[in-house]
Amino acid sequence: MPDPVVPVETERLILRRFTPEDFEAFHGYHGLPEVARYLYRNPRTPEQSRAALERIGVLKFEGEGDELVLAVAARAGGALLGEVLLKWVSREARQAEVGYIFAPEAAGRGYATEAARAVLALGFGRFDFHRIFARCDALNTGSVNVLKRLGMRQEAHLVQNDRFNGIWGDELIFAMLQEEWRLSG
C-alpha cells in the first residue's frame, strides 16, 4: 500500500521514509559531537544509530504524541543530507512541533529551510494544524536563521532552562499559525 504522506518533492530535495540503506549517512551525522551538542545528547554509537533508524522506520503519524521523521535526500544523486521531524503535540489544540537535523556538509545551502518549509506545508495543509512551533538552543545560530527565513516568529527566550554536559543553556521558541502560513504563501 502506498504511503499517503511521502514522498514529498521540492525543487532540490526528496523527503521520504528512512530505509536500512541510509545507515552509513545517518550515523555519519548522528555520531558527530557538533551535531549532538544541539540535540542535548551525546553522539550516538553505531548501535544507537542503528536502533534509532529502525525505530524511525516504523513510526506512525496518526495522533497526539506521534512523530513523522523523514529522510531528506538530494534529488540529484539521492544522497542523504539529513532529516526533518513533525511531532503531533496536541490533538485538541491542533499543535505540532517541527525540527530538523542535517549533516554539517549540507549546511549553508538552504536545505534545512527548503525541507522545513515542505514539512510546514504538510502540517498546515494535509494535517490541518493550527500552530506549529520549533525549539532550538539560543547558540545555534544556523537553526535560528532557518526559523527566521521560514517566517516563524520568536515567542520566547527561556533562560538557562536546560543543561547539557553540566552547562546551562538558553532555548528559543519560534512559532507560526496556520493563518500566517497561508498569508506568507
Protein backbone atom coordinates (compact mmCIF):
# COMPACT_ATOMS: atom_id res chain seq x y z
CA MET A 1 0.00 0.00 0.00
CA PRO A 2 1.49 3.41 -0.93
CA ASP A 3 2.41 5.83 1.87
CA PRO A 4 -0.22 8.61 1.98
CA VAL A 5 2.30 11.22 3.15
CA VAL A 6 5.52 10.69 1.23
CA PRO A 7 7.44 11.14 -0.88
CA VAL A 8 7.34 14.94 -0.82
CA GLU A 9 9.40 16.61 -3.51
CA THR A 10 10.74 20.14 -3.51
CA GLU A 11 12.91 21.89 -6.06
CA ARG A 12 16.12 20.18 -4.87
CA LEU A 13 15.00 17.60 -2.31
CA ILE A 14 13.01 14.44 -1.76
CA LEU A 15 11.51 13.84 1.68
CA ARG A 16 10.89 10.12 2.20
CA ARG A 17 10.86 7.39 4.79
CA PHE A 18 14.22 6.11 6.00
CA THR A 19 15.49 2.77 4.75
CA PRO A 20 18.20 0.45 6.13
CA GLU A 21 20.46 1.64 3.28
CA ASP A 22 20.56 5.07 4.94
CA PHE A 23 22.54 3.76 7.92
CA GLU A 24 26.04 4.94 6.94
CA ALA A 25 24.99 8.52 6.20
CA PHE A 26 22.53 8.61 9.15
CA HIS A 27 25.20 7.52 11.61
CA GLY A 28 27.67 9.80 9.86
CA TYR A 29 25.94 12.89 11.25
CA HIS A 30 24.32 11.40 14.38
CA GLY A 31 27.75 10.30 15.57
CA LEU A 32 29.23 13.80 15.43
CA PRO A 33 29.73 15.84 18.65
CA GLU A 34 28.91 19.12 16.87
CA VAL A 35 25.54 17.73 15.75
CA ALA A 36 24.70 16.03 19.07
CA ARG A 37 25.51 19.20 21.02
CA TYR A 38 22.35 20.97 19.84
CA LEU A 39 20.25 17.84 20.33
CA TYR A 40 21.12 17.82 24.06
CA ARG A 41 22.62 14.37 23.94
CA ASN A 42 25.92 12.69 23.34
CA PRO A 43 26.94 11.46 19.88
CA ARG A 44 25.36 8.13 19.04
CA THR A 45 27.32 4.93 18.82
CA PRO A 46 26.77 2.81 15.69
CA GLU A 47 24.48 0.54 17.72
CA GLN A 48 22.42 3.51 18.95
CA SER A 49 22.15 4.89 15.42
CA ARG A 50 21.01 1.50 14.08
CA ALA A 51 18.35 1.24 16.80
CA ALA A 52 17.16 4.80 16.14
CA LEU A 53 16.97 4.17 12.40
CA GLU A 54 14.93 1.01 12.98
CA ARG A 55 12.55 2.86 15.35
CA ILE A 56 12.08 5.76 12.91
CA GLY A 57 11.26 3.33 10.11
CA VAL A 58 8.11 2.04 11.80
CA LEU A 59 6.69 5.27 13.25
CA LYS A 60 3.03 6.03 12.60
CA PHE A 61 1.58 9.54 12.37
CA GLU A 62 -2.00 9.09 13.47
CA GLY A 63 -2.44 11.10 16.64
CA GLU A 64 -1.10 13.02 19.60
CA GLY A 65 2.46 12.11 20.56
CA ASP A 66 3.28 10.57 17.16
CA GLU A 67 6.30 11.68 15.15
CA LEU A 68 6.79 11.83 11.41
CA VAL A 69 10.56 11.63 10.80
CA LEU A 70 11.54 11.89 7.16
CA ALA A 71 14.85 11.43 5.41
CA VAL A 72 15.92 14.44 3.34
CA ALA A 73 17.73 13.34 0.20
CA ALA A 74 19.11 15.31 -2.72
CA ARG A 75 17.01 14.94 -5.87
CA ALA A 76 20.24 14.92 -7.86
CA GLY A 77 22.05 11.74 -6.86
CA GLY A 78 19.89 10.77 -3.87
CA ALA A 79 22.48 11.45 -1.15
CA LEU A 80 21.04 11.58 2.38
CA LEU A 81 21.51 15.13 3.68
CA GLY A 82 19.61 14.98 6.96
CA GLU A 83 16.12 14.64 8.36
CA VAL A 84 13.03 16.61 9.29
CA LEU A 85 10.51 15.92 12.00
CA LEU A 86 6.89 16.80 12.60
CA LYS A 87 5.68 15.88 16.09
CA TRP A 88 1.96 15.86 16.86
CA VAL A 89 1.86 17.68 20.20
CA SER A 90 -1.86 18.25 20.83
CA ARG A 91 -4.98 16.99 19.06
CA GLU A 92 -7.28 19.40 20.96
CA ALA A 93 -5.12 22.48 20.31
CA ARG A 94 -4.11 21.25 16.82
CA GLN A 95 -0.43 21.87 17.53
CA ALA A 96 2.75 20.30 16.25
CA GLU A 97 6.48 20.80 16.54
CA VAL A 98 8.89 20.94 13.61
CA GLY A 99 12.56 20.01 13.85
CA TYR A 100 15.48 19.09 11.64
CA ILE A 101 18.97 17.64 11.74
CA PHE A 102 21.44 17.96 8.88
CA ALA A 103 24.92 16.72 8.19
CA PRO A 104 27.48 19.54 8.55
CA GLU A 105 28.49 19.19 4.89
CA ALA A 106 24.90 20.08 3.92
CA ALA A 107 24.96 23.31 5.94
CA GLY A 108 24.76 26.72 4.33
CA ARG A 109 22.95 25.59 1.18
CA GLY A 110 19.35 26.25 2.21
CA TYR A 111 18.43 22.56 2.50
CA ALA A 112 17.10 22.86 6.07
CA THR A 113 14.90 25.81 5.11
CA GLU A 114 13.60 24.05 2.00
CA ALA A 115 12.87 20.80 3.84
CA ALA A 116 11.29 22.51 6.87
CA ARG A 117 9.11 24.62 4.55
CA ALA A 118 7.82 21.40 2.97
CA VAL A 119 7.05 19.97 6.41
CA LEU A 120 5.21 23.15 7.41
CA ALA A 121 3.14 22.78 4.23
CA LEU A 122 2.32 19.19 5.24
CA GLY A 123 1.48 20.22 8.78
CA PHE A 124 -0.75 23.15 7.89
CA GLY A 125 -2.18 21.63 4.72
CA ARG A 126 -2.58 17.88 4.96
CA PHE A 127 -2.83 17.67 8.76
CA ASP A 128 -4.62 20.99 9.38
CA PHE A 129 -2.56 22.07 12.40
CA HIS A 130 -3.45 25.46 13.87
CA ARG A 131 0.04 26.22 15.25
CA ILE A 132 3.46 24.72 14.59
CA PHE A 133 6.40 25.62 16.79
CA ALA A 134 10.12 24.93 16.92
CA ARG A 135 12.63 24.94 19.75
CA CYS A 136 16.35 25.49 19.45
CA ASP A 137 19.41 26.29 21.51
CA ALA A 138 19.98 30.06 21.53
CA LEU A 139 23.60 29.48 20.46
CA ASN A 140 22.55 27.51 17.37
CA THR A 141 22.60 30.50 15.02
CA GLY A 142 22.17 28.30 11.94
CA SER A 143 18.89 26.97 13.26
CA VAL A 144 17.73 30.40 14.42
CA ASN A 145 18.34 31.72 10.92
CA VAL A 146 16.39 28.84 9.34
CA LEU A 147 13.39 29.58 11.56
CA LYS A 148 13.51 33.28 10.72
CA ARG A 149 13.73 32.52 6.98
CA LEU A 150 10.64 30.35 7.35
CA GLY A 151 8.78 33.39 8.68
CA MET A 152 8.32 31.94 12.14
CA ARG A 153 8.20 34.47 14.96
CA GLN A 154 10.23 34.17 18.14
CA GLU A 155 7.78 33.73 21.01
CA ALA A 156 10.09 33.02 23.89
CA HIS A 157 13.65 33.08 25.14
CA LEU A 158 13.93 30.63 28.03
CA VAL A 159 16.98 31.48 30.10
CA GLN A 160 19.13 28.61 31.36
CA ASN A 161 16.26 26.15 31.10
CA ASP A 162 18.33 23.11 30.12
CA ARG A 163 21.67 21.52 30.84
CA PHE A 164 23.98 19.67 28.50
CA ASN A 165 27.14 18.10 29.90
CA GLY A 166 26.81 20.26 33.01
CA ILE A 167 26.44 23.56 31.13
CA TRP A 168 23.28 25.63 31.35
CA GLY A 169 21.81 26.72 28.04
CA ASP A 170 19.08 29.02 26.80
CA GLU A 171 16.31 27.86 24.49
CA LEU A 172 14.38 29.86 21.91
CA ILE A 173 10.83 29.06 20.85
CA PHE A 174 9.57 30.09 17.42
CA ALA A 175 6.05 29.53 16.07
CA MET A 176 3.69 30.15 13.20
CA LEU A 177 -0.09 29.95 12.95
CA GLN A 178 -1.90 28.35 10.03
CA GLU A 179 -3.34 31.75 9.01
CA GLU A 180 0.16 33.26 8.98
CA TRP A 181 1.35 30.38 6.79
CA ARG A 182 -1.47 30.99 4.34
CA LEU A 183 -0.72 34.72 4.18
CA SER A 184 3.01 34.09 3.61
CA GLY A 185 2.45 31.71 0.70
